[in-house]
């Protein structure tokens, strides 16, 4: 497991609370508290995931974060509390932050006591009626289902846009990660994808879309020369499975899966992107092989 950055945690927790307390009340829907639960690791992109990565620098599955006016509660496993531990004393010394309470998950009562404690904290926060959540996040599991029965006691409103606003301005380290993600994606396109397509066409090779997409995904690990300076290969992931389409069959969606059709030497659309330290980049390019004048004019 990675290590939490205590100073970053404190800085961003303060930024979140400052936005909540000092921004236009309508932005945060006048909520009395905020509850963010992250269930099983089955959703690649979600606001809950983003908040955890932004705040903790790591994804903590089966974890509940409850932000109250004067308290911040975290319900998670003992091992994950150990991960959070280095940041807790630093946060306690920082002025302007709420007190932080961590609750070890309990199998004996299926977290009934933990949920009762954080529910009481929400009722004691502000007017104790309105709770902000990320309504589009749909995690599953017993932990999530149990919490959902508890949060029904409150008026629930979506605060996804408010959190996006609070975290929108990127810090220097975030900008650096974004730059490196973009540099990596451009390197792979220029030094791998285009060269591969030229080789496939010149040598009249037969290559499946799915096989070519797989090569893009593996290109970084197979060829360290594609890495920009200062990039840690262990911090690289694909944003989504690379998409290769040709032969007149095109679906311009990022959920599209590269099929097993052979690469057609006509109009080729490729879409892919790498993320570095959880910061994403993306590129979509259309490549023509000996296009007609009509295709050129239409393009």
C-alpha atoms as a PDB file:
ATOM      1  CA  UNK A   1       0.000   0.000   0.000  1.00  0.00           C
ATOM      2  CA  UNK A   2       1.200   3.526  -0.800  1.00  0.00           C
ATOM      3  CA  UNK A   3       1.908   6.080   1.909  1.00  0.00           C
ATOM      4  CA  UNK A   4      -0.392   9.010   2.618  1.00  0.00           C
ATOM      5  CA  UNK A   5       1.040  12.517   2.293  1.00  0.00           C
ATOM      6  CA  UNK A   6      -0.012  14.199   5.582  1.00  0.00           C
ATOM      7  CA  UNK A   7       0.598  17.760   4.398  1.00  0.00           C
ATOM      8  CA  UNK A   8      -1.320  17.199   1.171  1.00  0.00           C
ATOM      9  CA  UNK A   9      -4.174  15.585   3.107  1.00  0.00           C
ATOM     10  CA  UNK A  10      -4.390  18.556   5.484  1.00  0.00           C
ATOM     11  CA  UNK A  11      -4.166  21.101   2.669  1.00  0.00           C
ATOM     12  CA  UNK A  12      -6.928  19.509   0.629  1.00  0.00           C
ATOM     13  CA  UNK A  13      -9.199  18.776   3.567  1.00  0.00           C
ATOM     14  CA  UNK A  14      -8.972  22.463   4.456  1.00  0.00           C
ATOM     15  CA  UNK A  15      -9.673  23.407   0.841  1.00  0.00           C
ATOM     16  CA  UNK A  16     -12.784  21.207   0.851  1.00  0.00           C
ATOM     17  CA  UNK A  17     -14.117  22.663   4.093  1.00  0.00           C
ATOM     18  CA  UNK A  18     -13.310  26.206   2.991  1.00  0.00           C
ATOM     19  CA  UNK A  19     -15.267  25.709  -0.213  1.00  0.00           C
ATOM     20  CA  UNK A  20     -18.194  24.202   1.685  1.00  0.00           C
ATOM     21  CA  UNK A  21     -18.304  26.895   4.359  1.00  0.00           C
ATOM     22  CA  UNK A  22     -17.274  30.011   2.455  1.00  0.00           C
ATOM     23  CA  UNK A  23     -18.638  29.525  -1.079  1.00  0.00           C
ATOM     24  CA  UNK A  24     -22.130  30.533  -2.132  1.00  0.00           C
ATOM     25  CA  UNK A  25     -24.449  28.338  -0.051  1.00  0.00           C
ATOM     26  CA  UNK A  26     -26.382  27.350  -3.167  1.00  0.00           C
ATOM     27  CA  UNK A  27     -23.271  25.733  -4.629  1.00  0.00           C
ATOM     28  CA  UNK A  28     -23.325  23.117  -1.870  1.00  0.00           C
ATOM     29  CA  UNK A  29     -27.150  22.982  -1.799  1.00  0.00           C
ATOM     30  CA  UNK A  30     -27.148  24.256   1.813  1.00  0.00           C
ATOM     31  CA  UNK A  31     -26.195  20.790   3.092  1.00  0.00           C
ATOM     32  CA  UNK A  32     -25.692  20.091   6.795  1.00  0.00           C
ATOM     33  CA  UNK A  33     -23.199  17.321   6.097  1.00  0.00           C
ATOM     34  CA  UNK A  34     -21.612  15.292   3.307  1.00  0.00           C
ATOM     35  CA  UNK A  35     -21.465  11.492   3.077  1.00  0.00           C
ATOM     36  CA  UNK A  36     -19.259   9.723   0.554  1.00  0.00           C
ATOM     37  CA  UNK A  37     -19.141   5.934   0.444  1.00  0.00           C
ATOM     38  CA  UNK A  38     -16.855   3.837  -1.733  1.00  0.00           C
ATOM     39  CA  UNK A  39     -17.871   0.197  -2.086  1.00  0.00           C
ATOM     40  CA  UNK A  40     -16.168  -2.595  -3.956  1.00  0.00           C
ATOM     41  CA  UNK A  41     -13.541  -1.605  -6.520  1.00  0.00           C
ATOM     42  CA  UNK A  42     -15.736  -2.165  -9.566  1.00  0.00           C
ATOM     43  CA  UNK A  43     -16.224   1.351 -10.933  1.00  0.00           C
ATOM     44  CA  UNK A  44     -13.238   2.800 -12.793  1.00  0.00           C
ATOM     45  CA  UNK A  45     -14.333   6.417 -12.681  1.00  0.00           C
ATOM     46  CA  UNK A  46     -16.519   7.990 -10.027  1.00  0.00           C
ATOM     47  CA  UNK A  47     -16.630  11.123  -7.881  1.00  0.00           C
ATOM     48  CA  UNK A  48     -16.092   8.955  -4.782  1.00  0.00           C
ATOM     49  CA  UNK A  49     -12.891   7.553  -6.275  1.00  0.00           C
ATOM     50  CA  UNK A  50     -11.760  11.029  -7.273  1.00  0.00           C
ATOM     51  CA  UNK A  51     -12.336  12.413  -3.782  1.00  0.00           C
ATOM     52  CA  UNK A  52     -10.349   9.612  -2.154  1.00  0.00           C
ATOM     53  CA  UNK A  53      -7.430   9.927  -4.567  1.00  0.00           C
ATOM     54  CA  UNK A  54      -7.457  13.696  -4.164  1.00  0.00           C
ATOM     55  CA  UNK A  55      -7.655  13.565  -0.368  1.00  0.00           C
ATOM     56  CA  UNK A  56      -5.760  10.377   0.530  1.00  0.00           C
ATOM     57  CA  UNK A  57      -3.723   9.660  -2.596  1.00  0.00           C
ATOM     58  CA  UNK A  58      -5.123   6.129  -2.577  1.00  0.00           C
ATOM     59  CA  UNK A  59      -8.398   4.285  -3.174  1.00  0.00           C
ATOM     60  CA  UNK A  60      -9.890   2.836   0.015  1.00  0.00           C
ATOM     61  CA  UNK A  61     -12.611   0.336  -0.830  1.00  0.00           C
ATOM     62  CA  UNK A  62     -15.521  -0.265   1.568  1.00  0.00           C
ATOM     63  CA  UNK A  63     -14.898   3.076   3.236  1.00  0.00           C
ATOM     64  CA  UNK A  64     -17.341   5.730   4.388  1.00  0.00           C
ATOM     65  CA  UNK A  65     -16.343   9.383   4.789  1.00  0.00           C
ATOM     66  CA  UNK A  66     -18.760  11.670   6.607  1.00  0.00           C
ATOM     67  CA  UNK A  67     -18.030  15.394   6.690  1.00  0.00           C
ATOM     68  CA  UNK A  68     -19.861  17.326   9.421  1.00  0.00           C
ATOM     69  CA  UNK A  69     -19.497  20.980  10.338  1.00  0.00           C
ATOM     70  CA  UNK A  70     -17.167  20.300  13.278  1.00  0.00           C
ATOM     71  CA  UNK A  71     -16.238  16.643  12.728  1.00  0.00           C
ATOM     72  CA  UNK A  72     -14.892  14.379  10.015  1.00  0.00           C
ATOM     73  CA  UNK A  73     -15.680  10.670  10.404  1.00  0.00           C
ATOM     74  CA  UNK A  74     -14.064   7.770   8.537  1.00  0.00           C
ATOM     75  CA  UNK A  75     -15.419   4.223   8.763  1.00  0.00           C
ATOM     76  CA  UNK A  76     -12.996   1.694   7.310  1.00  0.00           C
ATOM     77  CA  UNK A  77     -10.903  -1.397   8.082  1.00  0.00           C
ATOM     78  CA  UNK A  78      -8.105  -1.536  10.642  1.00  0.00           C
ATOM     79  CA  UNK A  79      -5.452  -1.852   7.922  1.00  0.00           C
ATOM     80  CA  UNK A  80      -6.722   1.241   6.122  1.00  0.00           C
ATOM     81  CA  UNK A  81      -6.795   3.204   9.365  1.00  0.00           C
ATOM     82  CA  UNK A  82      -3.122   2.320   9.775  1.00  0.00           C
ATOM     83  CA  UNK A  83      -2.570   3.808   6.318  1.00  0.00           C
ATOM     84  CA  UNK A  84      -4.350   7.029   7.400  1.00  0.00           C
ATOM     85  CA  UNK A  85      -2.657   7.220  10.807  1.00  0.00           C
ATOM     86  CA  UNK A  86       0.402   9.364   9.859  1.00  0.00           C
ATOM     87  CA  UNK A  87      -1.893  12.184   8.699  1.00  0.00           C
ATOM     88  CA  UNK A  88      -4.142  12.306  11.763  1.00  0.00           C
ATOM     89  CA  UNK A  89      -1.795  14.033  14.254  1.00  0.00           C
ATOM     90  CA  UNK A  90      -0.776  16.551  11.590  1.00  0.00           C
ATOM     91  CA  UNK A  91      -4.436  17.382  10.970  1.00  0.00           C
ATOM     92  CA  UNK A  92      -5.076  17.749  14.706  1.00  0.00           C
ATOM     93  CA  UNK A  93      -2.427  20.464  14.935  1.00  0.00           C
ATOM     94  CA  UNK A  94      -3.841  22.413  12.003  1.00  0.00           C
ATOM     95  CA  UNK A  95      -6.187  25.246  12.868  1.00  0.00           C
ATOM     96  CA  UNK A  96      -9.475  25.534  11.012  1.00  0.00           C
ATOM     97  CA  UNK A  97      -9.984  21.812  10.522  1.00  0.00           C
ATOM     98  CA  UNK A  98     -12.688  19.621  12.089  1.00  0.00           C
ATOM     99  CA  UNK A  99     -11.828  16.952  14.623  1.00  0.00           C
ATOM    100  CA  UNK A 100     -11.234  13.597  12.934  1.00  0.00           C
ATOM    101  CA  UNK A 101     -12.718  10.344  14.216  1.00  0.00           C
ATOM    102  CA  UNK A 102     -11.879   6.958  12.726  1.00  0.00           C
ATOM    103  CA  UNK A 103     -14.112   3.933  13.253  1.00  0.00           C
ATOM    104  CA  UNK A 104     -12.882   0.380  12.718  1.00  0.00           C
ATOM    105  CA  UNK A 105     -15.330  -1.682  10.700  1.00  0.00           C
ATOM    106  CA  UNK A 106     -17.110  -4.395  12.675  1.00  0.00           C
ATOM    107  CA  UNK A 107     -18.165  -7.764  11.294  1.00  0.00           C
ATOM    108  CA  UNK A 108     -20.028  -8.640  14.480  1.00  0.00           C
ATOM    109  CA  UNK A 109     -22.873  -6.152  14.031  1.00  0.00           C
ATOM    110  CA  UNK A 110     -22.217  -5.378  10.350  1.00  0.00           C
ATOM    111  CA  UNK A 111     -21.241  -1.807  11.266  1.00  0.00           C
ATOM    112  CA  UNK A 112     -24.597  -1.016  12.860  1.00  0.00           C
ATOM    113  CA  UNK A 113     -22.932   0.811  15.773  1.00  0.00           C
ATOM    114  CA  UNK A 114     -20.574   2.685  13.438  1.00  0.00           C
ATOM    115  CA  UNK A 115     -23.435   3.827  11.253  1.00  0.00           C
ATOM    116  CA  UNK A 116     -25.412   4.876  14.310  1.00  0.00           C
ATOM    117  CA  UNK A 117     -22.506   7.031  15.488  1.00  0.00           C
ATOM    118  CA  UNK A 118     -21.975   8.792  12.173  1.00  0.00           C
ATOM    119  CA  UNK A 119     -25.717   9.189  11.679  1.00  0.00           C
ATOM    120  CA  UNK A 120     -25.913  10.960  15.044  1.00  0.00           C
ATOM    121  CA  UNK A 121     -22.991  13.166  14.000  1.00  0.00           C
ATOM    122  CA  UNK A 122     -24.881  14.171  10.863  1.00  0.00           C
ATOM    123  CA  UNK A 123     -28.019  14.954  12.879  1.00  0.00           C
ATOM    124  CA  UNK A 124     -25.927  17.144  15.194  1.00  0.00           C
ATOM    125  CA  UNK A 125     -24.348  18.986  12.262  1.00  0.00           C
ATOM    126  CA  UNK A 126     -26.112  22.208  11.247  1.00  0.00           C
ATOM    127  CA  UNK A 127     -29.828  21.566  11.004  1.00  0.00           C
ATOM    128  CA  UNK A 128     -29.166  17.838  10.785  1.00  0.00           C
ATOM    129  CA  UNK A 129     -31.514  17.286   7.868  1.00  0.00           C
ATOM    130  CA  UNK A 130     -29.809  17.647   4.496  1.00  0.00           C
ATOM    131  CA  UNK A 131     -26.884  15.432   3.417  1.00  0.00           C
ATOM    132  CA  UNK A 132     -24.808  15.889   0.279  1.00  0.00           C
ATOM    133  CA  UNK A 133     -23.844  12.790  -1.712  1.00  0.00           C
ATOM    134  CA  UNK A 134     -22.494  11.838  -5.123  1.00  0.00           C
ATOM    135  CA  UNK A 135     -25.797  10.586  -6.484  1.00  0.00           C
ATOM    136  CA  UNK A 136     -24.463   9.103  -9.727  1.00  0.00           C
ATOM    137  CA  UNK A 137     -22.061   6.766  -7.911  1.00  0.00           C
ATOM    138  CA  UNK A 138     -23.636   3.325  -7.720  1.00  0.00           C
ATOM    139  CA  UNK A 139     -21.396   1.045  -5.701  1.00  0.00           C
ATOM    140  CA  UNK A 140     -22.689  -2.291  -4.456  1.00  0.00           C
ATOM    141  CA  UNK A 141     -21.997  -4.624  -1.556  1.00  0.00           C
ATOM    142  CA  UNK A 142     -23.331  -5.285   1.919  1.00  0.00           C
ATOM    143  CA  UNK A 143     -21.441  -2.320   3.407  1.00  0.00           C
ATOM    144  CA  UNK A 144     -22.971   0.099   0.883  1.00  0.00           C
ATOM    145  CA  UNK A 145     -26.449  -1.403   1.149  1.00  0.00           C
ATOM    146  CA  UNK A 146     -26.399  -1.114   4.940  1.00  0.00           C
ATOM    147  CA  UNK A 147     -25.364   2.532   4.805  1.00  0.00           C
ATOM    148  CA  UNK A 148     -28.013   3.339   2.202  1.00  0.00           C
ATOM    149  CA  UNK A 149     -30.727   2.246   4.632  1.00  0.00           C
ATOM    150  CA  UNK A 150     -29.319   4.681   7.203  1.00  0.00           C
ATOM    151  CA  UNK A 151     -28.943   7.706   4.922  1.00  0.00           C
ATOM    152  CA  UNK A 152     -32.607   7.424   3.929  1.00  0.00           C
ATOM    153  CA  UNK A 153     -33.413   9.205   7.190  1.00  0.00           C
ATOM    154  CA  UNK A 154     -32.040  12.413   5.637  1.00  0.00           C
ATOM    155  CA  UNK A 155     -32.892  14.605   2.700  1.00  0.00           C
ATOM    156  CA  UNK A 156     -30.260  13.615   0.157  1.00  0.00           C
ATOM    157  CA  UNK A 157     -28.971  16.025  -2.490  1.00  0.00           C
ATOM    158  CA  UNK A 158     -26.241  15.754  -5.108  1.00  0.00           C
ATOM    159  CA  UNK A 159     -23.056  17.776  -4.474  1.00  0.00           C
ATOM    160  CA  UNK A 160     -20.926  16.344  -7.296  1.00  0.00           C
ATOM    161  CA  UNK A 161     -20.634  19.708  -9.050  1.00  0.00           C
ATOM    162  CA  UNK A 162     -19.688  21.437  -5.804  1.00  0.00           C
ATOM    163  CA  UNK A 163     -16.811  19.018  -5.172  1.00  0.00           C
ATOM    164  CA  UNK A 164     -15.681  19.366  -8.792  1.00  0.00           C
ATOM    165  CA  UNK A 165     -15.567  23.143  -8.244  1.00  0.00           C
ATOM    166  CA  UNK A 166     -13.651  22.799  -4.972  1.00  0.00           C
ATOM    167  CA  UNK A 167     -10.963  20.608  -6.558  1.00  0.00           C
ATOM    168  CA  UNK A 168     -10.899  22.278  -9.987  1.00  0.00           C
ATOM    169  CA  UNK A 169      -7.837  24.488  -9.506  1.00  0.00           C
ATOM    170  CA  UNK A 170      -4.859  22.172  -9.831  1.00  0.00           C
ATOM    171  CA  UNK A 171      -1.772  22.359  -7.670  1.00  0.00           C
ATOM    172  CA  UNK A 172       1.724  22.324  -9.111  1.00  0.00           C
ATOM    173  CA  UNK A 173       2.145  18.572  -8.541  1.00  0.00           C
ATOM    174  CA  UNK A 174      -1.195  17.837 -10.200  1.00  0.00           C
ATOM    175  CA  UNK A 175      -0.288  19.934 -13.236  1.00  0.00           C
ATOM    176  CA  UNK A 176       3.024  18.069 -13.490  1.00  0.00           C
ATOM    177  CA  UNK A 177       1.216  14.716 -13.451  1.00  0.00           C
ATOM    178  CA  UNK A 178      -1.190  15.931 -16.134  1.00  0.00           C
ATOM    179  CA  UNK A 179       1.716  17.083 -18.306  1.00  0.00           C
ATOM    180  CA  UNK A 180       3.488  13.757 -17.960  1.00  0.00           C
ATOM    181  CA  UNK A 181       0.305  11.851 -18.799  1.00  0.00           C
ATOM    182  CA  UNK A 182      -0.117  13.953 -21.946  1.00  0.00           C
ATOM    183  CA  UNK A 183       3.539  13.619 -22.911  1.00  0.00           C
ATOM    184  CA  UNK A 184       3.343   9.844 -22.542  1.00  0.00           C
ATOM    185  CA  UNK A 185       0.210   9.550 -24.678  1.00  0.00           C
ATOM    186  CA  UNK A 186       1.754  11.741 -27.394  1.00  0.00           C
ATOM    187  CA  UNK A 187       4.963   9.708 -27.296  1.00  0.00           C
ATOM    188  CA  UNK A 188       3.074   6.448 -27.750  1.00  0.00           C
ATOM    189  CA  UNK A 189       1.038   7.862 -30.618  1.00  0.00           C
ATOM    190  CA  UNK A 190       4.006   9.369 -32.433  1.00  0.00           C
ATOM    191  CA  UNK A 191       6.636   6.723 -31.791  1.00  0.00           C
ATOM    192  CA  UNK A 192       4.522   3.577 -31.662  1.00  0.00           C
ATOM    193  CA  UNK A 193       1.024   3.858 -33.160  1.00  0.00           C
ATOM    194  CA  UNK A 194       1.911   5.760 -36.347  1.00  0.00           C
ATOM    195  CA  UNK A 195       5.026   3.664 -36.959  1.00  0.00           C
ATOM    196  CA  UNK A 196       3.093   0.424 -36.443  1.00  0.00           C
ATOM    197  CA  UNK A 197       0.401   1.466 -38.892  1.00  0.00           C
ATOM    198  CA  UNK A 198       3.001   2.427 -41.522  1.00  0.00           C
ATOM    199  CA  UNK A 199       4.742  -0.928 -41.052  1.00  0.00           C
ATOM    200  CA  UNK A 200       1.466  -2.873 -41.223  1.00  0.00           C
ATOM    201  CA  UNK A 201       0.459  -1.103 -44.450  1.00  0.00           C
ATOM    202  CA  UNK A 202       3.887  -1.248 -46.133  1.00  0.00           C
ATOM    203  CA  UNK A 203       4.347  -4.934 -45.315  1.00  0.00           C
ATOM    204  CA  UNK A 204       0.683  -5.718 -46.060  1.00  0.00           C
ATOM    205  CA  UNK A 205       0.314  -7.404 -42.681  1.00  0.00           C
ATOM    206  CA  UNK A 206      -2.931  -8.829 -41.317  1.00  0.00           C
ATOM    207  CA  UNK A 207      -3.581  -7.478 -37.832  1.00  0.00           C
ATOM    208  CA  UNK A 208      -6.783  -7.544 -35.798  1.00  0.00           C
ATOM    209  CA  UNK A 209      -8.103  -4.344 -34.230  1.00  0.00           C
ATOM    210  CA  UNK A 210      -8.055  -6.052 -30.830  1.00  0.00           C
ATOM    211  CA  UNK A 211      -4.442  -7.167 -31.259  1.00  0.00           C
ATOM    212  CA  UNK A 212      -3.302  -3.688 -32.254  1.00  0.00           C
ATOM    213  CA  UNK A 213      -5.158  -2.193 -29.270  1.00  0.00           C
ATOM    214  CA  UNK A 214      -3.453  -4.702 -26.987  1.00  0.00           C
ATOM    215  CA  UNK A 215      -0.087  -3.629 -28.376  1.00  0.00           C
ATOM    216  CA  UNK A 216      -0.825   0.015 -27.535  1.00  0.00           C
ATOM    217  CA  UNK A 217      -1.681  -0.903 -23.955  1.00  0.00           C
ATOM    218  CA  UNK A 218       1.514  -2.924 -23.545  1.00  0.00           C
ATOM    219  CA  UNK A 219       3.787  -0.558 -25.457  1.00  0.00           C
ATOM    220  CA  UNK A 220       4.970   1.380 -22.403  1.00  0.00           C
ATOM    221  CA  UNK A 221       6.048  -1.678 -20.427  1.00  0.00           C
ATOM    222  CA  UNK A 222       7.717  -3.208 -23.482  1.00  0.00           C
ATOM    223  CA  UNK A 223       9.575  -0.094 -24.597  1.00  0.00           C
ATOM    224  CA  UNK A 224      10.991   2.146 -21.825  1.00  0.00           C
ATOM    225  CA  UNK A 225      12.163   4.614 -24.489  1.00  0.00           C
ATOM    226  CA  UNK A 226       8.571   5.792 -24.801  1.00  0.00           C
ATOM    227  CA  UNK A 227       8.646   7.112 -21.230  1.00  0.00           C
ATOM    228  CA  UNK A 228       9.113  10.879 -20.816  1.00  0.00           C
ATOM    229  CA  UNK A 229      11.873  11.915 -18.372  1.00  0.00           C
ATOM    230  CA  UNK A 230      10.979  11.513 -14.701  1.00  0.00           C
ATOM    231  CA  UNK A 231       8.013   9.201 -15.235  1.00  0.00           C
ATOM    232  CA  UNK A 232       7.566   6.279 -12.839  1.00  0.00           C
ATOM    233  CA  UNK A 233       6.328   3.285 -14.845  1.00  0.00           C
ATOM    234  CA  UNK A 234       4.527   1.876 -11.804  1.00  0.00           C
ATOM    235  CA  UNK A 235       2.284   4.960 -11.731  1.00  0.00           C
ATOM    236  CA  UNK A 236       1.046   4.459 -15.311  1.00  0.00           C
ATOM    237  CA  UNK A 237      -2.334   2.995 -16.267  1.00  0.00           C
ATOM    238  CA  UNK A 238      -4.510   3.147 -19.352  1.00  0.00           C
ATOM    239  CA  UNK A 239      -7.512   5.454 -19.050  1.00  0.00           C
ATOM    240  CA  UNK A 240      -9.610   2.907 -20.949  1.00  0.00           C
ATOM    241  CA  UNK A 241      -8.953   0.011 -23.301  1.00  0.00           C
ATOM    242  CA  UNK A 242      -7.454   1.475 -26.516  1.00  0.00           C
ATOM    243  CA  UNK A 243      -9.948   1.642 -29.389  1.00  0.00           C
ATOM    244  CA  UNK A 244      -9.001   0.832 -32.983  1.00  0.00           C
ATOM    245  CA  UNK A 245     -11.638   0.999 -35.736  1.00  0.00           C
ATOM    246  CA  UNK A 246     -11.493   0.784 -39.521  1.00  0.00           C
ATOM    247  CA  UNK A 247     -13.337  -0.616 -42.520  1.00  0.00           C
ATOM    248  CA  UNK A 248     -16.360   1.674 -42.359  1.00  0.00           C
ATOM    249  CA  UNK A 249     -17.588   0.415 -38.981  1.00  0.00           C
ATOM    250  CA  UNK A 250     -17.237   3.192 -36.427  1.00  0.00           C
ATOM    251  CA  UNK A 251     -18.731   3.864 -33.016  1.00  0.00           C
ATOM    252  CA  UNK A 252     -17.506   7.144 -31.594  1.00  0.00           C
ATOM    253  CA  UNK A 253     -17.903   6.219 -27.944  1.00  0.00           C
ATOM    254  CA  UNK A 254     -15.236   5.613 -25.304  1.00  0.00           C
ATOM    255  CA  UNK A 255     -17.122   2.481 -24.238  1.00  0.00           C
ATOM    256  CA  UNK A 256     -16.490   0.919 -27.643  1.00  0.00           C
ATOM    257  CA  UNK A 257     -14.442  -2.294 -27.630  1.00  0.00           C
ATOM    258  CA  UNK A 258     -11.902  -3.006 -30.363  1.00  0.00           C
ATOM    259  CA  UNK A 259     -13.266  -5.998 -32.280  1.00  0.00           C
ATOM    260  CA  UNK A 260     -11.466  -8.857 -34.026  1.00  0.00           C
ATOM    261  CA  UNK A 261     -11.922  -7.455 -37.538  1.00  0.00           C
ATOM    262  CA  UNK A 262      -8.764  -7.059 -39.584  1.00  0.00           C
ATOM    263  CA  UNK A 263      -7.266  -3.577 -39.828  1.00  0.00           C
ATOM    264  CA  UNK A 264      -8.539  -2.083 -43.111  1.00  0.00           C
ATOM    265  CA  UNK A 265      -6.170   0.084 -45.126  1.00  0.00           C
ATOM    266  CA  UNK A 266      -8.556   2.999 -45.540  1.00  0.00           C
ATOM    267  CA  UNK A 267      -9.774   5.223 -42.766  1.00  0.00           C
ATOM    268  CA  UNK A 268      -8.430   4.230 -39.350  1.00  0.00           C
ATOM    269  CA  UNK A 269      -9.639   5.800 -36.111  1.00  0.00           C
ATOM    270  CA  UNK A 270      -7.603   5.270 -32.969  1.00  0.00           C
ATOM    271  CA  UNK A 271      -8.447   6.472 -29.473  1.00  0.00           C
ATOM    272  CA  UNK A 272      -6.460   5.883 -26.293  1.00  0.00           C
ATOM    273  CA  UNK A 273      -4.964   7.631 -23.339  1.00  0.00           C
ATOM    274  CA  UNK A 274      -2.702   6.988 -20.376  1.00  0.00           C
ATOM    275  CA  UNK A 275      -3.155   8.276 -16.873  1.00  0.00           C
ATOM    276  CA  UNK A 276      -0.271   9.096 -14.584  1.00  0.00           C
ATOM    277  CA  UNK A 277      -0.782   9.080 -10.836  1.00  0.00           C
ATOM    278  CA  UNK A 278      -4.525   8.972 -11.593  1.00  0.00           C
ATOM    279  CA  UNK A 279      -4.449  12.059 -13.855  1.00  0.00           C
ATOM    280  CA  UNK A 280      -5.790  11.303 -17.317  1.00  0.00           C
ATOM    281  CA  UNK A 281      -4.898  12.244 -20.857  1.00  0.00           C
ATOM    282  CA  UNK A 282      -6.629  11.350 -24.091  1.00  0.00           C
ATOM    283  CA  UNK A 283      -5.988  11.392 -27.819  1.00  0.00           C
ATOM    284  CA  UNK A 284      -8.239  10.520 -30.763  1.00  0.00           C
ATOM    285  CA  UNK A 285      -6.816  10.539 -34.288  1.00  0.00           C
ATOM    286  CA  UNK A 286      -8.121   9.718 -37.775  1.00  0.00           C
ATOM    287  CA  UNK A 287      -5.543   8.315 -40.180  1.00  0.00           C
ATOM    288  CA  UNK A 288      -6.063   7.918 -43.927  1.00  0.00           C
ATOM    289  CA  UNK A 289      -4.281   5.387 -46.117  1.00  0.00           C
ATOM    290  CA  UNK A 290      -4.231   6.640 -49.726  1.00  0.00           C
ATOM    291  CA  UNK A 291      -7.490   8.603 -49.345  1.00  0.00           C
ATOM    292  CA  UNK A 292      -9.541   9.653 -52.343  1.00  0.00           C
ATOM    293  CA  UNK A 293     -10.011  13.317 -53.165  1.00  0.00           C
ATOM    294  CA  UNK A 294     -13.618  13.056 -51.931  1.00  0.00           C
ATOM    295  CA  UNK A 295     -12.446  11.817 -48.523  1.00  0.00           C
ATOM    296  CA  UNK A 296      -9.884  14.599 -48.350  1.00  0.00           C
ATOM    297  CA  UNK A 297     -12.509  17.207 -49.194  1.00  0.00           C
ATOM    298  CA  UNK A 298     -14.980  15.815 -46.646  1.00  0.00           C
ATOM    299  CA  UNK A 299     -12.311  15.735 -43.970  1.00  0.00           C
END
